Structures are given as structure tokens and as C-alpha cells.
């Protein structure tokens, strides 16, 4: 049986490839962590948005449809126009 000659790249080339692979692995890990954090933040944002909507309903029950100035707490009634 004929012996196959082993061919190799240089050690410098191999080291460069290894470093590139390490860099891409670190970047992919960081991206995964950011995506996980994004997922958590999106759930938190959805929860706060739901709280806002529920509180709007409470205020609407008490005051009717109003527009609130969040700087000073004053409000004006929202007048719905007839669409005829």
C-alpha cells in the first residue's frame, strides 16, 4: 500500500486560523447574550405597556376620555366628533 504524504500549512497560518475561529466564537457568544438580554427587555416592555393600558382604563372610568399633560397633571376632555 502506498503511503500518503502528509501536507501541512505553516504554524503561523494555523495560528492565524485558530485566532480567527476564537474571535468568531467570542462574537457569536456576545451576540447570543445580547439577544437573550433583548428578549428579557422586550418582555419587560410588554409588561409596562400592559400596565399603562390598564391604568388608562382606570383613569377613563374615573374621568372619561381625557388628554393629560404629564408635565403638570392638567387634563382636557377629548371630544369625539360625529362622523356623519
PDB file of N, CA and C in Angstrom:
ATOM      1  N   UNK A   1       0.843  -1.162   0.000  1.00  0.00           N
ATOM      2  CA  UNK A   1       0.000   0.000   0.000  1.00  0.00           C
ATOM      3  C   UNK A   1       0.895   1.234   0.000  1.00  0.00           C
ATOM      4  N   UNK A   2       0.470   2.213  -0.787  1.00  0.00           N
ATOM      5  CA  UNK A   2       1.259   3.436  -0.939  1.00  0.00           C
ATOM      6  C   UNK A   2       0.988   4.382   0.220  1.00  0.00           C
ATOM      7  N   UNK A   3       2.047   4.923   0.813  1.00  0.00           N
ATOM      8  CA  UNK A   3       1.924   5.848   1.931  1.00  0.00           C
ATOM      9  C   UNK A   3       1.596   7.239   1.390  1.00  0.00           C
ATOM     10  N   UNK A   4       0.544   7.861   1.985  1.00  0.00           N
ATOM     11  CA  UNK A   4       0.125   9.190   1.574  1.00  0.00           C
ATOM     12  C   UNK A   4       0.971  10.202   2.337  1.00  0.00           C
ATOM     13  N   UNK A   5       1.521  11.141   1.595  1.00  0.00           N
ATOM     14  CA  UNK A   5       2.351  12.170   2.215  1.00  0.00           C
ATOM     15  C   UNK A   5       1.465  13.186   2.922  1.00  0.00           C
ATOM     16  N   UNK A   6       1.784  13.438   4.182  1.00  0.00           N
ATOM     17  CA  UNK A   6       1.023  14.416   4.960  1.00  0.00           C
ATOM     18  C   UNK A   6       1.486  15.811   4.595  1.00  0.00           C
ATOM     19  N   UNK A   7       0.527  16.661   4.259  1.00  0.00           N
ATOM     20  CA  UNK A   7       0.835  18.040   3.901  1.00  0.00           C
ATOM     21  C   UNK A   7       0.263  18.942   4.988  1.00  0.00           C
ATOM     22  N   UNK A   8       1.003  19.991   5.334  1.00  0.00           N
ATOM     23  CA  UNK A   8       0.557  20.897   6.389  1.00  0.00           C
ATOM     24  C   UNK A   8       0.792  22.337   5.978  1.00  0.00           C
ATOM     25  N   UNK A   9      -0.074  23.204   6.531  1.00  0.00           N
ATOM     26  CA  UNK A   9       0.161  24.639   6.385  1.00  0.00           C
ATOM     27  C   UNK A   9       1.205  25.033   7.427  1.00  0.00           C
ATOM     28  N   UNK A  10       1.676  26.253   7.348  1.00  0.00           N
ATOM     29  CA  UNK A  10       2.692  26.693   8.304  1.00  0.00           C
ATOM     30  C   UNK A  10       2.061  26.891   9.677  1.00  0.00           C
ATOM     31  N   UNK A  11       2.877  26.866  10.700  1.00  0.00           N
ATOM     32  CA  UNK A  11       2.363  27.071  12.059  1.00  0.00           C
ATOM     33  C   UNK A  11       1.781  28.477  12.206  1.00  0.00           C
ATOM     34  N   UNK A  12       2.346  29.465  11.506  1.00  0.00           N
ATOM     35  CA  UNK A  12       1.816  30.825  11.554  1.00  0.00           C
ATOM     36  C   UNK A  12       0.422  30.879  10.937  1.00  0.00           C
ATOM     37  N   UNK A  13       0.243  30.200   9.831  1.00  0.00           N
ATOM     38  CA  UNK A  13      -1.066  30.166   9.180  1.00  0.00           C
ATOM     39  C   UNK A  13      -2.097  29.467  10.067  1.00  0.00           C
ATOM     40  N   UNK A  14      -1.685  28.362  10.681  1.00  0.00           N
ATOM     41  CA  UNK A  14      -2.581  27.632  11.572  1.00  0.00           C
ATOM     42  C   UNK A  14      -2.965  28.497  12.770  1.00  0.00           C
ATOM     43  N   UNK A  15      -1.996  29.224  13.330  1.00  0.00           N
ATOM     44  CA  UNK A  15      -2.273  30.096  14.466  1.00  0.00           C
ATOM     45  C   UNK A  15      -3.243  31.210  14.071  1.00  0.00           C
ATOM     46  N   UNK A  16      -3.082  31.760  12.870  1.00  0.00           N
ATOM     47  CA  UNK A  16      -3.995  32.813  12.409  1.00  0.00           C
ATOM     48  C   UNK A  16      -5.414  32.264  12.282  1.00  0.00           C
ATOM     49  N   UNK A  17      -5.561  31.072  11.741  1.00  0.00           N
ATOM     50  CA  UNK A  17      -6.882  30.444  11.601  1.00  0.00           C
ATOM     51  C   UNK A  17      -7.500  30.200  12.968  1.00  0.00           C
ATOM     52  N   UNK A  18      -6.704  29.717  13.917  1.00  0.00           N
ATOM     53  CA  UNK A  18      -7.217  29.461  15.264  1.00  0.00           C
ATOM     54  C   UNK A  18      -7.698  30.757  15.915  1.00  0.00           C
ATOM     55  N   UNK A  19      -6.924  31.818  15.785  1.00  0.00           N
ATOM     56  CA  UNK A  19      -7.312  33.109  16.363  1.00  0.00           C
ATOM     57  C   UNK A  19      -8.602  33.615  15.719  1.00  0.00           C
ATOM     58  N   UNK A  20      -8.730  33.477  14.412  1.00  0.00           N
ATOM     59  CA  UNK A  20      -9.949  33.891  13.727  1.00  0.00           C
ATOM     60  C   UNK A  20     -11.153  33.103  14.241  1.00  0.00           C
ATOM     61  N   UNK A  21     -10.991  31.811  14.431  1.00  0.00           N
ATOM     62  CA  UNK A  21     -12.073  30.968  14.928  1.00  0.00           C
ATOM     63  C   UNK A  21     -12.449  31.337  16.366  1.00  0.00           C
ATOM     64  N   UNK A  22     -11.452  31.661  17.186  1.00  0.00           N
ATOM     65  CA  UNK A  22     -11.720  32.104  18.551  1.00  0.00           C
ATOM     66  C   UNK A  22     -12.496  33.428  18.535  1.00  0.00           C
ATOM     67  N   UNK A  23     -12.071  34.349  17.661  1.00  0.00           N
ATOM     68  CA  UNK A  23     -12.739  35.646  17.558  1.00  0.00           C
ATOM     69  C   UNK A  23     -14.197  35.485  17.151  1.00  0.00           C
ATOM     70  N   UNK A  24     -14.451  34.645  16.158  1.00  0.00           N
ATOM     71  CA  UNK A  24     -15.836  34.475  15.702  1.00  0.00           C
ATOM     72  C   UNK A  24     -16.673  33.805  16.787  1.00  0.00           C
ATOM     73  N   UNK A  25     -16.094  32.879  17.528  1.00  0.00           N
ATOM     74  CA  UNK A  25     -16.823  32.215  18.607  1.00  0.00           C
ATOM     75  C   UNK A  25     -17.168  33.218  19.708  1.00  0.00           C
ATOM     76  N   UNK A  26     -16.237  34.097  20.056  1.00  0.00           N
ATOM     77  CA  UNK A  26     -16.493  35.117  21.072  1.00  0.00           C
ATOM     78  C   UNK A  26     -17.584  36.080  20.614  1.00  0.00           C
ATOM     79  N   UNK A  27     -17.529  36.475  19.344  1.00  0.00           N
ATOM     80  CA  UNK A  27     -18.545  37.386  18.820  1.00  0.00           C
ATOM     81  C   UNK A  27     -19.927  36.737  18.817  1.00  0.00           C
ATOM     82  N   UNK A  28     -19.997  35.481  18.413  1.00  0.00           N
ATOM     83  CA  UNK A  28     -21.282  34.779  18.403  1.00  0.00           C
ATOM     84  C   UNK A  28     -21.834  34.616  19.817  1.00  0.00           C
ATOM     85  N   UNK A  29     -20.956  34.377  20.777  1.00  0.00           N
ATOM     86  CA  UNK A  29     -21.380  34.282  22.168  1.00  0.00           C
ATOM     87  C   UNK A  29     -21.936  35.619  22.643  1.00  0.00           C
ATOM     88  N   UNK A  30     -21.241  36.713  22.316  1.00  0.00           N
ATOM     89  CA  UNK A  30     -21.702  38.050  22.705  1.00  0.00           C
ATOM     90  C   UNK A  30     -23.052  38.368  22.064  1.00  0.00           C
ATOM     91  N   UNK A  31     -23.209  38.003  20.802  1.00  0.00           N
ATOM     92  CA  UNK A  31     -24.488  38.230  20.110  1.00  0.00           C
ATOM     93  C   UNK A  31     -25.599  37.449  20.809  1.00  0.00           C
ATOM     94  N   UNK A  32     -25.322  36.219  21.180  1.00  0.00           N
ATOM     95  CA  UNK A  32     -26.313  35.400  21.883  1.00  0.00           C
ATOM     96  C   UNK A  32     -26.718  36.025  23.204  1.00  0.00           C
ATOM     97  N   UNK A  33     -25.730  36.552  23.934  1.00  0.00           N
ATOM     98  CA  UNK A  33     -26.032  37.200  25.204  1.00  0.00           C
ATOM     99  C   UNK A  33     -26.892  38.443  24.988  1.00  0.00           C
ATOM    100  N   UNK A  34     -26.574  39.215  23.954  1.00  0.00           N
ATOM    101  CA  UNK A  34     -27.363  40.408  23.654  1.00  0.00           C
ATOM    102  C   UNK A  34     -28.786  40.047  23.244  1.00  0.00           C
ATOM    103  N   UNK A  35     -28.932  39.000  22.455  1.00  0.00           N
ATOM    104  CA  UNK A  35     -30.269  38.571  22.038  1.00  0.00           C
ATOM    105  C   UNK A  35     -31.084  38.114  23.243  1.00  0.00           C
ATOM    106  N   UNK A  36     -30.433  37.428  24.173  1.00  0.00           N
ATOM    107  CA  UNK A  36     -31.113  36.995  25.389  1.00  0.00           C
ATOM    108  C   UNK A  36     -31.549  38.205  26.206  1.00  0.00           C
ATOM    109  N   UNK A  37     -30.667  39.175  26.340  1.00  0.00           N
ATOM    110  CA  UNK A  37     -30.990  40.395  27.076  1.00  0.00           C
ATOM    111  C   UNK A  37     -32.115  41.153  26.369  1.00  0.00           C
ATOM    112  N   UNK A  38     -32.064  41.191  25.036  1.00  0.00           N
ATOM    113  CA  UNK A  38     -33.114  41.850  24.262  1.00  0.00           C
ATOM    114  C   UNK A  38     -34.463  41.187  24.523  1.00  0.00           C
ATOM    115  N   UNK A  39     -34.468  39.860  24.555  1.00  0.00           N
ATOM    116  CA  UNK A  39     -35.699  39.105  24.800  1.00  0.00           C
ATOM    117  C   UNK A  39     -36.292  39.473  26.159  1.00  0.00           C
ATOM    118  N   UNK A  40     -35.435  39.530  27.166  1.00  0.00           N
ATOM    119  CA  UNK A  40     -35.882  39.885  28.517  1.00  0.00           C
ATOM    120  C   UNK A  40     -36.455  41.301  28.527  1.00  0.00           C
ATOM    121  N   UNK A  41     -35.741  42.235  27.899  1.00  0.00           N
ATOM    122  CA  UNK A  41     -36.186  43.630  27.870  1.00  0.00           C
ATOM    123  C   UNK A  41     -37.506  43.788  27.123  1.00  0.00           C
ATOM    124  N   UNK A  42     -37.682  43.051  26.041  1.00  0.00           N
ATOM    125  CA  UNK A  42     -38.935  43.122  25.297  1.00  0.00           C
ATOM    126  C   UNK A  42     -40.115  42.634  26.144  1.00  0.00           C
ATOM    127  N   UNK A  43     -39.891  41.586  26.944  1.00  0.00           N
ATOM    128  CA  UNK A  43     -40.949  41.113  27.837  1.00  0.00           C
ATOM    129  C   UNK A  43     -41.265  42.161  28.898  1.00  0.00           C
ATOM    130  N   UNK A  44     -40.226  42.798  29.426  1.00  0.00           N
ATOM    131  CA  UNK A  44     -40.450  43.843  30.422  1.00  0.00           C
ATOM    132  C   UNK A  44     -41.220  45.010  29.818  1.00  0.00           C
ATOM    133  N   UNK A  45     -40.852  45.398  28.602  1.00  0.00           N
ATOM    134  CA  UNK A  45     -41.531  46.497  27.908  1.00  0.00           C
ATOM    135  C   UNK A  45     -42.989  46.150  27.669  1.00  0.00           C
ATOM    136  N   UNK A  46     -43.271  44.917  27.293  1.00  0.00           N
ATOM    137  CA  UNK A  46     -44.654  44.497  27.067  1.00  0.00           C
ATOM    138  C   UNK A  46     -45.451  44.568  28.373  1.00  0.00           C
ATOM    139  N   UNK A  47     -44.818  44.197  29.475  1.00  0.00           N
ATOM    140  CA  UNK A  47     -45.491  44.269  30.774  1.00  0.00           C
ATOM    141  C   UNK A  47     -45.816  45.698  31.161  1.00  0.00           C
ATOM    142  N   UNK A  48     -44.872  46.601  30.954  1.00  0.00           N
ATOM    143  CA  UNK A  48     -45.109  48.009  31.275  1.00  0.00           C
ATOM    144  C   UNK A  48     -46.192  48.581  30.372  1.00  0.00           C
ATOM    145  N   UNK A  49     -46.167  48.232  29.099  1.00  0.00           N
ATOM    146  CA  UNK A  49     -47.204  48.709  28.168  1.00  0.00           C
ATOM    147  C   UNK A  49     -48.584  48.233  28.612  1.00  0.00           C
ATOM    148  N   UNK A  50     -48.660  47.006  29.087  1.00  0.00           N
ATOM    149  CA  UNK A  50     -49.938  46.482  29.574  1.00  0.00           C
ATOM    150  C   UNK A  50     -50.390  47.252  30.814  1.00  0.00           C
ATOM    151  N   UNK A  51     -49.445  47.538  31.729  1.00  0.00           N
ATOM    152  CA  UNK A  51     -49.784  48.323  32.920  1.00  0.00           C
ATOM    153  C   UNK A  51     -50.307  49.705  32.521  1.00  0.00           C
ATOM    154  N   UNK A  52     -49.680  50.324  31.530  1.00  0.00           N
ATOM    155  CA  UNK A  52     -50.105  51.647  31.058  1.00  0.00           C
ATOM    156  C   UNK A  52     -51.536  51.578  30.541  1.00  0.00           C
ATOM    157  N   UNK A  53     -51.832  50.589  29.720  1.00  0.00           N
ATOM    158  CA  UNK A  53     -53.175  50.460  29.159  1.00  0.00           C
ATOM    159  C   UNK A  53     -54.213  50.219  30.247  1.00  0.00           C
ATOM    160  N   UNK A  54     -53.863  49.401  31.231  1.00  0.00           N
ATOM    161  CA  UNK A  54     -54.801  49.140  32.318  1.00  0.00           C
ATOM    162  C   UNK A  54     -55.055  50.417  33.125  1.00  0.00           C
ATOM    163  N   UNK A  55     -54.006  51.203  33.359  1.00  0.00           N
ATOM    164  CA  UNK A  55     -54.183  52.437  34.128  1.00  0.00           C
ATOM    165  C   UNK A  55     -54.966  53.477  33.323  1.00  0.00           C
ATOM    166  N   UNK A  56     -54.754  53.496  32.013  1.00  0.00           N
ATOM    167  CA  UNK A  56     -55.557  54.389  31.159  1.00  0.00           C
ATOM    168  C   UNK A  56     -57.030  54.071  31.317  1.00  0.00           C
ATOM    169  N   UNK A  57     -57.351  52.773  31.376  1.00  0.00           N
ATOM    170  CA  UNK A  57     -58.749  52.365  31.536  1.00  0.00           C
ATOM    171  C   UNK A  57     -59.294  52.825  32.885  1.00  0.00           C
ATOM    172  N   UNK A  58     -58.482  52.707  33.940  1.00  0.00           N
ATOM    173  CA  UNK A  58     -58.918  53.186  35.259  1.00  0.00           C
ATOM    174  C   UNK A  58     -59.219  54.682  35.210  1.00  0.00           C
ATOM    175  N   UNK A  59     -58.304  55.444  34.619  1.00  0.00           N
ATOM    176  CA  UNK A  59     -58.491  56.896  34.542  1.00  0.00           C
ATOM    177  C   UNK A  59     -59.698  57.252  33.685  1.00  0.00           C
ATOM    178  N   UNK A  60     -59.882  56.506  32.593  1.00  0.00           N
ATOM    179  CA  UNK A  60     -61.025  56.781  31.727  1.00  0.00           C
ATOM    180  C   UNK A  60     -62.337  56.498  32.456  1.00  0.00           C
ATOM    181  N   UNK A  61     -62.353  55.474  33.299  1.00  0.00           N
ATOM    182  CA  UNK A  61     -63.542  55.173  34.091  1.00  0.00           C
ATOM    183  C   UNK A  61     -63.846  56.325  35.046  1.00  0.00           C
ATOM    184  N   UNK A  62     -62.798  56.896  35.627  1.00  0.00           N
ATOM    185  CA  UNK A  62     -62.989  57.973  36.597  1.00  0.00           C
ATOM    186  C   UNK A  62     -63.261  59.326  35.940  1.00  0.00           C
ATOM    187  N   UNK A  63     -62.533  59.652  34.855  1.00  0.00           N
ATOM    188  CA  UNK A  63     -62.603  60.998  34.270  1.00  0.00           C
ATOM    189  C   UNK A  63     -63.252  61.053  32.887  1.00  0.00           C
ATOM    190  N   UNK A  64     -63.494  59.916  32.271  1.00  0.00           N
ATOM    191  CA  UNK A  64     -63.924  59.902  30.877  1.00  0.00           C
ATOM    192  C   UNK A  64     -62.692  59.996  29.992  1.00  0.00           C
ATOM    193  N   UNK A  65     -62.916  60.198  28.698  1.00  0.00           N
ATOM    194  CA  UNK A  65     -61.780  60.290  27.778  1.00  0.00           C
ATOM    195  C   UNK A  65     -61.122  61.657  27.916  1.00  0.00           C
ATOM    196  N   UNK A  66     -59.857  61.623  28.312  1.00  0.00           N
ATOM    197  CA  UNK A  66     -59.127  62.867  28.552  1.00  0.00           C
ATOM    198  C   UNK A  66     -57.730  62.786  27.960  1.00  0.00           C
ATOM    199  N   UNK A  67     -57.151  63.957  27.792  1.00  0.00           N
ATOM    200  CA  UNK A  67     -55.751  64.086  27.375  1.00  0.00           C
ATOM    201  C   UNK A  67     -55.029  64.736  28.551  1.00  0.00           C
ATOM    202  N   UNK A  68     -53.990  64.061  29.078  1.00  0.00           N
ATOM    203  CA  UNK A  68     -53.298  64.532  30.279  1.00  0.00           C
ATOM    204  C   UNK A  68     -51.957  65.162  29.911  1.00  0.00           C
ATOM    205  N   UNK A  69     -51.690  66.325  30.499  1.00  0.00           N
ATOM    206  CA  UNK A  69     -50.376  66.964  30.375  1.00  0.00           C
ATOM    207  C   UNK A  69     -49.499  66.356  31.473  1.00  0.00           C
ATOM    208  N   UNK A  70     -48.531  65.536  31.077  1.00  0.00           N
ATOM    209  CA  UNK A  70     -47.726  64.845  32.088  1.00  0.00           C
ATOM    210  C   UNK A  70     -46.729  65.765  32.792  1.00  0.00           C
ATOM    211  N   UNK A  71     -46.606  67.000  32.329  1.00  0.00           N
ATOM    212  CA  UNK A  71     -45.725  67.954  32.992  1.00  0.00           C
ATOM    213  C   UNK A  71     -46.356  68.495  34.268  1.00  0.00           C
ATOM    214  N   UNK A  72     -47.669  68.793  34.209  1.00  0.00           N
ATOM    215  CA  UNK A  72     -48.292  69.420  35.372  1.00  0.00           C
ATOM    216  C   UNK A  72     -49.564  68.716  35.867  1.00  0.00           C
ATOM    217  N   UNK A  73     -49.996  67.662  35.178  1.00  0.00           N
ATOM    218  CA  UNK A  73     -51.158  66.904  35.633  1.00  0.00           C
ATOM    219  C   UNK A  73     -52.499  67.447  35.185  1.00  0.00           C
ATOM    220  N   UNK A  74     -52.497  68.556  34.465  1.00  0.00           N
ATOM    221  CA  UNK A  74     -53.777  69.088  33.991  1.00  0.00           C
ATOM    222  C   UNK A  74     -54.291  68.207  32.856  1.00  0.00           C
ATOM    223  N   UNK A  75     -55.584  68.282  32.624  1.00  0.00           N
ATOM    224  CA  UNK A  75     -56.150  67.490  31.539  1.00  0.00           C
ATOM    225  C   UNK A  75     -57.256  68.245  30.832  1.00  0.00           C
ATOM    226  N   UNK A  76     -57.492  67.813  29.598  1.00  0.00           N
ATOM    227  CA  UNK A  76     -58.603  68.343  28.814  1.00  0.00           C
ATOM    228  C   UNK A  76     -59.436  67.167  28.331  1.00  0.00           C
ATOM    229  N   UNK A  77     -60.714  67.416  28.184  1.00  0.00           N
ATOM    230  CA  UNK A  77     -61.604  66.372  27.686  1.00  0.00           C
ATOM    231  C   UNK A  77     -61.345  66.141  26.201  1.00  0.00           C
ATOM    232  N   UNK A  78     -61.485  64.904  25.794  1.00  0.00           N
ATOM    233  CA  UNK A  78     -61.396  64.569  24.369  1.00  0.00           C
ATOM    234  C   UNK A  78     -62.820  64.543  23.837  1.00  0.00           C
ATOM    235  N   UNK A  79     -63.090  65.408  22.895  1.00  0.00           N
ATOM    236  CA  UNK A  79     -64.417  65.492  22.318  1.00  0.00           C
ATOM    237  C   UNK A  79     -64.417  64.684  21.027  1.00  0.00           C
ATOM    238  N   UNK A  80     -65.273  63.684  20.977  1.00  0.00           N
ATOM    239  CA  UNK A  80     -65.381  62.868  19.780  1.00  0.00           C
ATOM    240  C   UNK A  80     -66.346  63.528  18.818  1.00  0.00           C
ATOM    241  N   UNK A  81     -65.905  63.669  17.574  1.00  0.00           N
ATOM    242  CA  UNK A  81     -66.742  64.301  16.560  1.00  0.00           C
ATOM    243  C   UNK A  81     -67.642  63.249  15.930  1.00  0.00           C
ATOM    244  N   UNK A  82     -68.876  63.632  15.605  1.00  0.00           N
ATOM    245  CA  UNK A  82     -69.792  62.754  14.901  1.00  0.00           C
ATOM    246  C   UNK A  82     -69.314  62.590  13.469  1.00  0.00           C
ATOM    247  N   UNK A  83     -69.283  61.364  13.005  1.00  0.00           N
ATOM    248  CA  UNK A  83     -68.840  61.090  11.633  1.00  0.00           C
ATOM    249  C   UNK A  83     -70.061  60.857  10.763  1.00  0.00           C
ATOM    250  N   UNK A  84     -70.746  61.924  10.433  1.00  0.00           N
ATOM    251  CA  UNK A  84     -71.952  61.807   9.596  1.00  0.00           C
ATOM    252  C   UNK A  84     -71.760  62.508   8.302  1.00  0.00           C
TER     253      UNK A  84
END
